[in-house]
Amino acid sequence: MNRILLDTNVILDLILAREPFYESTVRLFKLLLSSDNYKGYITANSITDIFYIAKKSIHYEKVRLMLIELLKYIEIVNVCKTDIKKALLSDYPDLEDALQIVCAEKNKSICNNYSG
């Protein structure tokens, strides 16, 4: 099974219907939901980041319900002190991106990280 670590921005593209990435994000999620060959993951810290950002555009109760629904279909990758230290010591200038990559490597996932 292919594990795909979903970047915070990918989830935000879906929840907030952000263009120009919304349609491709919908296709990605349809693939994840319809195939036994792929499993979606997000990092634990992404949940709070997604909630914080999305509630600026959508009522917090709707965001909460969307995240509850999302968690029925994707798994959580825990983030620990070692992961954060590795990200901080990496050459990546963006800490969130670095942490996503560290967690993808830990989880043996494909990381679809992008700066969106």
Protein backbone atom coordinates (compact mmCIF):
# COMPACT_ATOMS: atom_id res chain seq x y z
CA MET A 1 0.00 0.00 0.00
CA ASN A 2 1.22 3.50 -0.86
CA ARG A 3 1.09 5.92 2.04
CA ILE A 4 0.55 9.55 1.11
CA LEU A 5 1.31 12.23 3.68
CA LEU A 6 -0.99 15.13 2.91
CA ASP A 7 0.34 18.61 3.45
CA THR A 8 -1.71 21.06 5.52
CA ASN A 9 -2.32 23.13 2.39
CA VAL A 10 -3.83 20.18 0.55
CA ILE A 11 -6.47 19.75 3.25
CA LEU A 12 -7.10 23.50 3.30
CA ASP A 13 -7.52 23.46 -0.50
CA LEU A 14 -10.24 20.86 -0.08
CA ILE A 15 -12.03 22.37 2.93
CA LEU A 16 -11.90 25.95 1.65
CA ALA A 17 -12.32 25.05 -2.06
CA ARG A 18 -9.19 27.07 -2.83
CA GLU A 19 -8.31 27.61 -6.44
CA PRO A 20 -6.39 26.71 -8.47
CA PHE A 21 -5.83 23.48 -6.49
CA TYR A 22 -9.38 22.50 -5.52
CA GLU A 23 -10.18 20.25 -8.50
CA SER A 24 -6.91 18.32 -8.29
CA THR A 25 -7.39 17.93 -4.53
CA VAL A 26 -10.88 16.51 -5.09
CA ARG A 27 -9.42 14.01 -7.58
CA LEU A 28 -6.73 13.04 -5.06
CA PHE A 29 -9.31 12.39 -2.35
CA LYS A 30 -11.51 10.39 -4.71
CA LEU A 31 -8.49 8.22 -5.48
CA LEU A 32 -7.68 7.79 -1.78
CA LEU A 33 -11.27 6.82 -0.98
CA SER A 34 -11.76 4.45 -3.90
CA SER A 35 -8.47 2.57 -3.94
CA ASP A 36 -7.03 -0.03 -1.62
CA ASN A 37 -3.58 0.87 -2.99
CA TYR A 38 -3.40 4.27 -1.27
CA LYS A 39 -3.85 5.51 2.28
CA GLY A 40 -3.84 9.15 3.31
CA TYR A 41 -2.06 10.50 6.38
CA ILE A 42 -1.60 13.88 8.00
CA THR A 43 0.61 14.97 10.83
CA ALA A 44 -0.95 15.57 14.23
CA ASN A 45 0.05 19.22 14.21
CA SER A 46 -1.71 19.73 10.88
CA ILE A 47 -5.10 19.29 12.53
CA THR A 48 -4.69 22.34 14.76
CA ASP A 49 -3.16 24.37 11.91
CA ILE A 50 -6.04 23.47 9.59
CA PHE A 51 -8.62 24.32 12.24
CA TYR A 52 -6.98 27.66 13.04
CA ILE A 53 -6.73 28.74 9.40
CA ALA A 54 -10.08 27.38 8.18
CA LYS A 55 -12.13 28.94 11.01
CA LYS A 56 -11.14 32.35 9.69
CA SER A 57 -13.28 31.63 6.61
CA ILE A 58 -15.82 29.07 7.85
CA HIS A 59 -17.71 28.88 11.13
CA TYR A 60 -15.65 26.90 13.64
CA GLU A 61 -18.42 24.31 14.17
CA LYS A 62 -18.48 23.48 10.45
CA VAL A 63 -14.68 23.18 10.41
CA ARG A 64 -14.81 20.90 13.44
CA LEU A 65 -17.38 18.64 11.74
CA MET A 66 -15.35 18.58 8.51
CA LEU A 67 -12.24 17.48 10.41
CA ILE A 68 -14.19 14.79 12.26
CA GLU A 69 -15.41 13.49 8.89
CA LEU A 70 -11.92 13.70 7.40
CA LEU A 71 -10.49 11.58 10.22
CA LYS A 72 -12.78 8.72 9.19
CA TYR A 73 -10.70 8.36 6.03
CA ILE A 74 -7.15 9.35 6.88
CA GLU A 75 -4.68 8.41 9.59
CA ILE A 76 -2.62 10.59 11.91
CA VAL A 77 1.18 10.56 12.03
CA ASN A 78 2.37 11.51 15.50
CA VAL A 79 4.94 14.25 15.83
CA CYS A 80 7.52 13.86 18.56
CA LYS A 81 10.45 15.87 19.88
CA THR A 82 12.93 13.96 17.70
CA ASP A 83 10.93 14.83 14.58
CA ILE A 84 10.89 18.51 15.47
CA LYS A 85 14.63 18.51 16.19
CA LYS A 86 15.34 16.84 12.84
CA ALA A 87 13.19 19.41 11.07
CA LEU A 88 14.92 22.28 12.86
CA LEU A 89 18.34 20.88 11.97
CA SER A 90 17.44 20.28 8.31
CA ASP A 91 18.38 22.56 5.43
CA TYR A 92 14.74 23.38 4.66
CA PRO A 93 13.98 27.08 5.23
CA ASP A 94 10.30 26.41 6.08
CA LEU A 95 9.80 24.54 9.37
CA GLU A 96 6.34 23.23 8.51
CA ASP A 97 7.63 21.82 5.21
CA ALA A 98 10.66 20.31 6.95
CA LEU A 99 8.48 18.66 9.58
CA GLN A 100 6.18 17.23 6.91
CA ILE A 101 9.19 15.71 5.13
CA VAL A 102 10.66 14.28 8.35
CA CYS A 103 7.29 12.71 9.22
CA ALA A 104 6.86 11.33 5.69
CA GLU A 105 10.25 9.65 5.95
CA LYS A 106 9.38 8.28 9.40
CA ASN A 107 6.06 6.94 8.13
CA LYS A 108 7.58 5.69 4.84
CA SER A 109 5.11 7.90 2.99
CA ILE A 110 5.08 9.76 -0.25
CA CYS A 111 4.99 13.44 0.70
CA ASN A 112 2.91 15.68 -1.53
CA ASN A 113 4.23 18.79 0.16
CA TYR A 114 4.14 22.04 -1.75
CA SER A 115 4.17 25.68 -0.79
CA GLY A 116 0.67 26.71 -1.75
